Protein backbone atom coordinates (compact mmCIF):
# COMPACT_ATOMS: atom_id res chain seq x y z
CA UNK A 1 0.00 0.00 0.00
CA UNK A 2 1.30 3.46 -0.95
CA UNK A 3 2.41 5.47 2.09
CA UNK A 4 3.38 9.13 1.86
CA UNK A 5 5.33 11.12 4.45
CA UNK A 6 5.78 14.87 3.98
CA UNK A 7 9.43 15.78 4.58
CA UNK A 8 9.39 19.52 3.95
CA UNK A 9 7.12 22.23 2.56
CA UNK A 10 8.86 25.24 1.02
CA UNK A 11 7.17 28.50 -0.03
CA UNK A 12 7.25 28.84 -3.84
CA UNK A 13 8.98 32.06 -4.86
CA UNK A 14 7.01 34.60 -6.89
CA UNK A 15 3.62 33.24 -5.79
CA UNK A 16 1.25 34.25 -3.00
CA UNK A 17 0.22 30.76 -1.88
CA UNK A 18 2.41 28.36 -3.84
CA UNK A 19 4.51 25.66 -2.19
CA UNK A 20 7.02 22.98 -3.06
CA UNK A 21 6.36 19.74 -1.19
CA UNK A 22 9.14 17.19 -0.71
CA UNK A 23 7.80 13.78 0.33
CA UNK A 24 8.93 10.17 0.82
CA UNK A 25 6.60 7.69 -0.88
CA UNK A 26 6.80 4.02 0.05
CA UNK A 27 5.45 1.64 -2.65
CA UNK A 28 4.38 4.42 -5.07
CA UNK A 29 3.39 2.04 -7.89
CA UNK A 30 2.30 -1.03 -5.95
CA UNK A 31 3.56 -3.37 -3.24
CA UNK A 32 6.78 -4.37 -5.03
CA UNK A 33 7.81 -0.89 -6.20
CA UNK A 34 10.78 0.81 -4.50
CA UNK A 35 10.42 4.03 -2.52
CA UNK A 36 10.88 7.41 -4.22
CA UNK A 37 11.30 11.05 -3.33
CA UNK A 38 8.35 13.07 -4.61
CA UNK A 39 8.70 16.74 -5.48
CA UNK A 40 5.32 18.36 -5.89
CA UNK A 41 4.63 21.96 -6.83
CA UNK A 42 1.35 23.66 -5.98
CA UNK A 43 0.54 27.16 -7.20
CA UNK A 44 -2.40 27.57 -4.82
CA UNK A 45 -0.92 25.75 -1.82
CA UNK A 46 -3.27 22.78 -2.12
CA UNK A 47 -3.61 21.17 -5.56
CA UNK A 48 -0.41 19.70 -7.02
CA UNK A 49 0.22 21.20 -10.48
CA UNK A 50 3.53 19.41 -11.21
CA UNK A 51 5.06 16.31 -9.67
CA UNK A 52 8.27 14.32 -10.13
CA UNK A 53 9.09 10.97 -8.54
CA UNK A 54 12.83 10.41 -8.18
CA UNK A 55 14.24 6.99 -7.24
CA UNK A 56 16.58 7.27 -4.26
CA UNK A 57 19.39 5.89 -6.43
CA UNK A 58 19.18 9.09 -8.54
CA UNK A 59 18.92 11.66 -5.74
CA UNK A 60 22.63 12.53 -5.56
CA UNK A 61 22.85 13.11 -9.32
CA UNK A 62 19.71 15.27 -9.24
CA UNK A 63 21.17 17.34 -6.39
CA UNK A 64 24.40 17.83 -8.35
CA UNK A 65 22.46 18.90 -11.45
CA UNK A 66 20.31 21.32 -9.43
CA UNK A 67 23.42 22.85 -7.84
CA UNK A 68 24.98 23.20 -11.30
CA UNK A 69 21.84 24.94 -12.60
CA UNK A 70 21.82 27.26 -9.56
CA UNK A 71 25.50 28.15 -10.10
CA UNK A 72 24.81 29.01 -13.75
CA UNK A 73 21.84 31.17 -12.72
CA UNK A 74 23.91 32.95 -10.06
CA UNK A 75 26.62 33.76 -12.61
CA UNK A 76 24.04 35.30 -14.97
CA UNK A 77 22.47 37.50 -12.29
C-alpha atoms as a PDB file:
ATOM      1  CA  UNK A   1       0.000   0.000   0.000  1.00  0.00           C
ATOM      2  CA  UNK A   2       1.297   3.462  -0.946  1.00  0.00           C
ATOM      3  CA  UNK A   3       2.410   5.467   2.093  1.00  0.00           C
ATOM      4  CA  UNK A   4       3.385   9.132   1.864  1.00  0.00           C
ATOM      5  CA  UNK A   5       5.332  11.123   4.449  1.00  0.00           C
ATOM      6  CA  UNK A   6       5.783  14.867   3.982  1.00  0.00           C
ATOM      7  CA  UNK A   7       9.431  15.778   4.582  1.00  0.00           C
ATOM      8  CA  UNK A   8       9.388  19.525   3.946  1.00  0.00           C
ATOM      9  CA  UNK A   9       7.122  22.227   2.562  1.00  0.00           C
ATOM     10  CA  UNK A  10       8.865  25.235   1.018  1.00  0.00           C
ATOM     11  CA  UNK A  11       7.172  28.502  -0.029  1.00  0.00           C
ATOM     12  CA  UNK A  12       7.248  28.839  -3.836  1.00  0.00           C
ATOM     13  CA  UNK A  13       8.979  32.058  -4.861  1.00  0.00           C
ATOM     14  CA  UNK A  14       7.014  34.595  -6.894  1.00  0.00           C
ATOM     15  CA  UNK A  15       3.622  33.243  -5.789  1.00  0.00           C
ATOM     16  CA  UNK A  16       1.253  34.253  -3.003  1.00  0.00           C
ATOM     17  CA  UNK A  17       0.218  30.763  -1.878  1.00  0.00           C
ATOM     18  CA  UNK A  18       2.408  28.363  -3.842  1.00  0.00           C
ATOM     19  CA  UNK A  19       4.511  25.662  -2.190  1.00  0.00           C
ATOM     20  CA  UNK A  20       7.024  22.979  -3.065  1.00  0.00           C
ATOM     21  CA  UNK A  21       6.358  19.736  -1.190  1.00  0.00           C
ATOM     22  CA  UNK A  22       9.139  17.186  -0.713  1.00  0.00           C
ATOM     23  CA  UNK A  23       7.803  13.776   0.330  1.00  0.00           C
ATOM     24  CA  UNK A  24       8.926  10.173   0.817  1.00  0.00           C
ATOM     25  CA  UNK A  25       6.605   7.689  -0.883  1.00  0.00           C
ATOM     26  CA  UNK A  26       6.803   4.024   0.051  1.00  0.00           C
ATOM     27  CA  UNK A  27       5.446   1.644  -2.650  1.00  0.00           C
ATOM     28  CA  UNK A  28       4.380   4.424  -5.071  1.00  0.00           C
ATOM     29  CA  UNK A  29       3.393   2.044  -7.887  1.00  0.00           C
ATOM     30  CA  UNK A  30       2.296  -1.028  -5.950  1.00  0.00           C
ATOM     31  CA  UNK A  31       3.563  -3.367  -3.242  1.00  0.00           C
ATOM     32  CA  UNK A  32       6.784  -4.366  -5.028  1.00  0.00           C
ATOM     33  CA  UNK A  33       7.813  -0.888  -6.203  1.00  0.00           C
ATOM     34  CA  UNK A  34      10.781   0.814  -4.501  1.00  0.00           C
ATOM     35  CA  UNK A  35      10.423   4.034  -2.516  1.00  0.00           C
ATOM     36  CA  UNK A  36      10.879   7.409  -4.220  1.00  0.00           C
ATOM     37  CA  UNK A  37      11.303  11.055  -3.334  1.00  0.00           C
ATOM     38  CA  UNK A  38       8.350  13.066  -4.613  1.00  0.00           C
ATOM     39  CA  UNK A  39       8.703  16.745  -5.482  1.00  0.00           C
ATOM     40  CA  UNK A  40       5.315  18.355  -5.892  1.00  0.00           C
ATOM     41  CA  UNK A  41       4.628  21.965  -6.830  1.00  0.00           C
ATOM     42  CA  UNK A  42       1.355  23.664  -5.976  1.00  0.00           C
ATOM     43  CA  UNK A  43       0.535  27.156  -7.196  1.00  0.00           C
ATOM     44  CA  UNK A  44      -2.401  27.566  -4.816  1.00  0.00           C
ATOM     45  CA  UNK A  45      -0.916  25.754  -1.816  1.00  0.00           C
ATOM     46  CA  UNK A  46      -3.272  22.777  -2.121  1.00  0.00           C
ATOM     47  CA  UNK A  47      -3.614  21.174  -5.563  1.00  0.00           C
ATOM     48  CA  UNK A  48      -0.408  19.696  -7.021  1.00  0.00           C
ATOM     49  CA  UNK A  49       0.221  21.199 -10.476  1.00  0.00           C
ATOM     50  CA  UNK A  50       3.528  19.414 -11.205  1.00  0.00           C
ATOM     51  CA  UNK A  51       5.064  16.308  -9.668  1.00  0.00           C
ATOM     52  CA  UNK A  52       8.266  14.322 -10.125  1.00  0.00           C
ATOM     53  CA  UNK A  53       9.092  10.969  -8.536  1.00  0.00           C
ATOM     54  CA  UNK A  54      12.826  10.408  -8.178  1.00  0.00           C
ATOM     55  CA  UNK A  55      14.239   6.993  -7.243  1.00  0.00           C
ATOM     56  CA  UNK A  56      16.580   7.273  -4.265  1.00  0.00           C
ATOM     57  CA  UNK A  57      19.387   5.885  -6.431  1.00  0.00           C
ATOM     58  CA  UNK A  58      19.184   9.085  -8.536  1.00  0.00           C
ATOM     59  CA  UNK A  59      18.915  11.664  -5.744  1.00  0.00           C
ATOM     60  CA  UNK A  60      22.631  12.529  -5.555  1.00  0.00           C
ATOM     61  CA  UNK A  61      22.847  13.109  -9.318  1.00  0.00           C
ATOM     62  CA  UNK A  62      19.715  15.270  -9.241  1.00  0.00           C
ATOM     63  CA  UNK A  63      21.171  17.343  -6.387  1.00  0.00           C
ATOM     64  CA  UNK A  64      24.404  17.833  -8.351  1.00  0.00           C
ATOM     65  CA  UNK A  65      22.455  18.898 -11.446  1.00  0.00           C
ATOM     66  CA  UNK A  66      20.311  21.321  -9.428  1.00  0.00           C
ATOM     67  CA  UNK A  67      23.415  22.845  -7.845  1.00  0.00           C
ATOM     68  CA  UNK A  68      24.979  23.201 -11.298  1.00  0.00           C
ATOM     69  CA  UNK A  69      21.840  24.943 -12.602  1.00  0.00           C
ATOM     70  CA  UNK A  70      21.824  27.263  -9.564  1.00  0.00           C
ATOM     71  CA  UNK A  71      25.502  28.152 -10.099  1.00  0.00           C
ATOM     72  CA  UNK A  72      24.806  29.010 -13.751  1.00  0.00           C
ATOM     73  CA  UNK A  73      21.845  31.168 -12.721  1.00  0.00           C
ATOM     74  CA  UNK A  74      23.913  32.950 -10.056  1.00  0.00           C
ATOM     75  CA  UNK A  75      26.622  33.759 -12.613  1.00  0.00           C
ATOM     76  CA  UNK A  76      24.040  35.298 -14.974  1.00  0.00           C
ATOM     77  CA  UNK A  77      22.473  37.502 -12.294  1.00  0.00           C
END
